[in-house]
């Protein structure tokens, strides 16, 4: 009887509705369960809904910054969607800043960033970041001052997120796989299929837009 109950608990599916995407309004950021490292490869499937960029504010759709270490698979800059090298902060290649759907693979097995399955650019320098802040999506999660998360609207991005995956760079194994969903309360958020955890906006001003 106990084994049957245990099997039922392990096989029970979480109560959610899968969405086509969730869309930020420029007032949300999610701190994901991914911790940036030299061994993390990130795949992001997204589309911008506004193409505003800022030289100073580091407007990012997927990013982490701590103690000088930059891990930014999606950064808007000078008319391009770029990736930022891990340690130096130099920008690597890019694709035209537009509202089309794009896919970026950051820090693949060869240490490249691949834009839309075609253009590969080496990201060079490595990082050894603190592990107490996860990679942000729709904005940048950052340690600044007393370890506050950086949630200024000047750094946030209006975009649709279709899928976000983290891989172990060496083994290729999925360590994180977030899809957009409505939870059991009807709240749009991300659901990590690896950990079985729902991830929510940490600002709390507005709900995500979404499409089924």
Protein backbone atom coordinates (compact mmCIF):
# COMPACT_ATOMS: atom_id res chain seq x y z
CA UNK A 1 0.00 0.00 0.00
CA UNK A 2 2.77 2.44 0.93
CA UNK A 3 4.67 1.63 -2.26
CA UNK A 4 1.54 2.26 -4.32
CA UNK A 5 1.04 5.63 -2.66
CA UNK A 6 4.69 6.54 -3.21
CA UNK A 7 4.52 5.60 -6.90
CA UNK A 8 1.37 7.67 -7.27
CA UNK A 9 3.04 10.68 -5.66
CA UNK A 10 6.13 10.39 -7.84
CA UNK A 11 4.09 10.01 -11.02
CA UNK A 12 1.63 12.80 -10.22
CA UNK A 13 1.80 15.63 -12.75
CA UNK A 14 1.86 19.24 -11.56
CA UNK A 15 -1.34 21.17 -12.10
CA UNK A 16 -0.63 23.70 -14.83
CA UNK A 17 -1.64 24.75 -18.33
CA UNK A 18 1.13 25.00 -20.91
CA UNK A 19 1.26 28.33 -22.76
CA UNK A 20 2.75 29.35 -26.08
CA UNK A 21 4.67 32.12 -24.32
CA UNK A 22 4.62 34.60 -21.47
CA UNK A 23 5.26 38.24 -22.29
CA UNK A 24 6.80 40.84 -20.02
CA UNK A 25 5.57 44.42 -19.98
CA UNK A 26 8.91 45.83 -18.85
CA UNK A 27 8.01 45.49 -15.18
CA UNK A 28 8.88 41.85 -14.48
CA UNK A 29 11.98 39.77 -13.91
CA UNK A 30 12.34 36.13 -12.89
CA UNK A 31 15.34 34.88 -10.99
CA UNK A 32 15.72 31.40 -12.42
CA UNK A 33 17.14 28.32 -10.76
CA UNK A 34 20.18 28.39 -13.06
CA UNK A 35 23.48 29.43 -11.52
CA UNK A 36 25.91 30.88 -14.10
CA UNK A 37 29.23 29.09 -14.42
CA UNK A 38 31.83 28.10 -17.00
CA UNK A 39 29.99 24.79 -17.30
CA UNK A 40 26.53 26.25 -18.04
CA UNK A 41 25.16 26.35 -21.57
CA UNK A 42 21.96 28.38 -22.02
CA UNK A 43 19.41 28.10 -24.83
CA UNK A 44 16.76 30.81 -25.07
CA UNK A 45 13.85 31.07 -27.51
CA UNK A 46 12.35 34.58 -27.43
CA UNK A 47 11.04 37.61 -29.31
CA UNK A 48 11.30 41.25 -28.32
CA UNK A 49 8.11 43.29 -28.27
CA UNK A 50 9.98 46.59 -27.93
CA UNK A 51 13.44 47.38 -29.31
CA UNK A 52 14.59 50.04 -26.86
CA UNK A 53 18.21 49.79 -25.75
CA UNK A 54 20.37 51.82 -23.41
CA UNK A 55 24.15 52.19 -23.41
CA UNK A 56 24.35 52.80 -19.67
CA UNK A 57 21.54 50.79 -18.11
CA UNK A 58 22.53 47.41 -19.59
CA UNK A 59 19.04 46.50 -20.75
CA UNK A 60 19.08 42.70 -20.82
CA UNK A 61 16.58 39.97 -21.67
CA UNK A 62 18.62 37.26 -19.96
CA UNK A 63 21.53 38.20 -17.71
CA UNK A 64 23.53 37.95 -14.50
CA UNK A 65 26.06 40.33 -13.01
CA UNK A 66 28.04 39.94 -9.82
CA UNK A 67 31.44 41.11 -8.61
CA UNK A 68 32.47 42.13 -12.12
CA UNK A 69 31.39 38.83 -13.68
CA UNK A 70 28.99 39.15 -16.60
CA UNK A 71 26.92 36.28 -17.95
CA UNK A 72 24.56 37.86 -20.48
CA UNK A 73 23.12 35.66 -23.23
CA UNK A 74 20.76 38.47 -24.32
CA UNK A 75 21.76 42.15 -24.18
CA UNK A 76 20.36 45.01 -26.26
CA UNK A 77 22.97 47.39 -27.58
CA UNK A 78 23.52 49.76 -30.52
CA UNK A 79 20.88 48.28 -32.81
CA UNK A 80 21.74 44.65 -32.06
CA UNK A 81 20.73 41.76 -29.83
CA UNK A 82 24.13 40.72 -28.51
CA UNK A 83 25.70 38.30 -26.07
CA UNK A 84 28.35 39.45 -23.62
CA UNK A 85 31.57 37.62 -22.91
CA UNK A 86 31.72 36.05 -19.51
CA UNK A 87 34.52 37.85 -17.75
CA UNK A 88 35.59 40.88 -19.75
CA UNK A 89 32.14 42.22 -20.52
CA UNK A 90 32.99 42.67 -24.21
CA UNK A 91 30.06 42.16 -26.55
CA UNK A 92 30.19 39.21 -28.95
CA UNK A 93 28.64 39.45 -32.40
CA UNK A 94 24.89 39.85 -32.57
CA UNK A 95 21.74 39.86 -34.63
CA UNK A 96 19.73 42.87 -35.80
CA UNK A 97 17.54 44.45 -33.15
CA UNK A 98 13.98 43.59 -34.24
CA UNK A 99 10.76 41.95 -33.09
CA UNK A 100 11.30 38.62 -34.83
CA UNK A 101 11.55 35.33 -32.96
CA UNK A 102 15.16 34.40 -32.24
CA UNK A 103 17.09 31.55 -30.65
CA UNK A 104 20.43 31.96 -28.92
CA UNK A 105 22.70 29.19 -27.65
CA UNK A 106 25.21 30.68 -25.21
CA UNK A 107 28.48 29.00 -24.16
CA UNK A 108 28.12 25.79 -26.18
CA UNK A 109 30.56 22.86 -26.03
CA UNK A 110 33.11 24.90 -28.03
CA UNK A 111 32.67 28.03 -25.94
CA UNK A 112 30.68 29.83 -28.62
CA UNK A 113 27.48 31.82 -28.74
CA UNK A 114 25.32 30.73 -31.68
CA UNK A 115 22.73 33.16 -33.03
CA UNK A 116 19.71 31.62 -34.78
CA UNK A 117 21.47 28.29 -35.43
CA UNK A 118 23.99 29.84 -37.79
CA UNK A 119 26.45 32.47 -36.66
CA UNK A 120 28.91 31.27 -34.02
CA UNK A 121 31.17 33.67 -32.12
CA UNK A 122 33.64 32.65 -29.42
CA UNK A 123 32.94 34.14 -25.98
CA UNK A 124 36.52 33.70 -24.76
CA UNK A 125 37.01 34.58 -21.13
CA UNK A 126 35.73 32.52 -18.23
CA UNK A 127 34.05 33.43 -14.95
CA UNK A 128 33.93 32.17 -11.40
CA UNK A 129 30.77 33.88 -10.15
CA UNK A 130 29.16 33.78 -6.72
CA UNK A 131 26.47 31.11 -6.70
CA UNK A 132 23.85 32.81 -4.58
CA UNK A 133 21.98 34.55 -7.42
CA UNK A 134 20.35 32.79 -10.34
CA UNK A 135 20.37 33.88 -13.97
CA UNK A 136 17.68 36.46 -14.63
CA UNK A 137 15.21 36.41 -17.51
CA UNK A 138 13.29 39.49 -18.77
CA UNK A 139 16.01 41.43 -16.98
CA UNK A 140 19.27 41.12 -15.10
CA UNK A 141 19.72 39.57 -11.68
CA UNK A 142 22.60 41.24 -9.96
CA UNK A 143 24.49 41.47 -6.71
CA UNK A 144 24.95 45.14 -5.86
CA UNK A 145 25.69 46.65 -2.49
CA UNK A 146 24.06 44.43 0.12
CA UNK A 147 23.30 41.58 -2.30
CA UNK A 148 20.12 43.23 -3.58
CA UNK A 149 18.65 41.96 -6.82
CA UNK A 150 18.92 44.56 -9.55
CA UNK A 151 15.35 45.15 -10.72
CA UNK A 152 15.43 48.69 -12.10
CA UNK A 153 12.98 49.14 -14.97
CA UNK A 154 15.83 50.71 -16.95
CA UNK A 155 17.44 47.28 -17.20
CA UNK A 156 14.27 45.28 -17.99
CA UNK A 157 13.11 44.17 -21.43
CA UNK A 158 9.70 43.82 -23.04
CA UNK A 159 9.79 40.38 -24.65
CA UNK A 160 8.07 37.06 -25.18
CA UNK A 161 9.68 33.92 -23.82
CA UNK A 162 8.89 30.60 -25.47
CA UNK A 163 11.46 28.37 -23.77
CA UNK A 164 14.60 28.57 -21.63
CA UNK A 165 16.95 25.61 -21.16
CA UNK A 166 20.18 25.10 -19.26
CA UNK A 167 22.63 22.31 -20.13
CA UNK A 168 25.71 20.89 -18.51
CA UNK A 169 28.35 22.00 -21.03
CA UNK A 170 30.43 18.84 -20.70
CA UNK A 171 27.79 16.10 -20.59
CA UNK A 172 25.05 17.92 -22.55
CA UNK A 173 22.55 16.89 -19.88
CA UNK A 174 19.59 19.18 -19.20
CA UNK A 175 19.86 20.75 -15.77
CA UNK A 176 17.05 23.26 -16.26
CA UNK A 177 14.12 23.41 -18.68
CA UNK A 178 11.60 26.21 -18.22
CA UNK A 179 8.37 26.50 -20.19
CA UNK A 180 5.65 29.18 -19.87
CA UNK A 181 2.53 28.04 -18.01
CA UNK A 182 -0.49 29.07 -16.00
CA UNK A 183 -0.24 27.59 -12.52
CA UNK A 184 -3.19 26.10 -10.64
CA UNK A 185 -4.27 29.62 -9.60
CA UNK A 186 -4.19 30.91 -13.17
CA UNK A 187 -0.99 32.92 -12.67
CA UNK A 188 1.34 33.11 -15.70
CA UNK A 189 4.86 32.03 -14.78
CA UNK A 190 7.61 29.60 -15.74
CA UNK A 191 7.72 25.93 -14.83
CA UNK A 192 11.08 24.14 -14.62
CA UNK A 193 10.47 20.57 -15.77
CA UNK A 194 13.75 19.38 -14.25
CA UNK A 195 13.19 20.55 -10.66
CA UNK A 196 9.39 20.57 -10.81
CA UNK A 197 9.40 24.15 -9.55
CA UNK A 198 7.28 27.14 -10.56
CA UNK A 199 9.19 30.41 -10.98
CA UNK A 200 7.50 33.80 -10.64
CA UNK A 201 8.12 37.48 -11.25
CA UNK A 202 9.98 38.89 -8.23
CA UNK A 203 8.90 42.53 -8.70
CA UNK A 204 5.17 41.99 -8.33
CA UNK A 205 3.81 45.12 -10.03
CA UNK A 206 2.08 43.59 -13.05
CA UNK A 207 1.20 40.13 -14.30
CA UNK A 208 2.75 38.71 -17.45
CA UNK A 209 0.77 38.79 -20.68
CA UNK A 210 0.48 35.40 -22.37
CA UNK A 211 -0.95 33.40 -25.24
CA UNK A 212 -2.21 29.84 -25.30
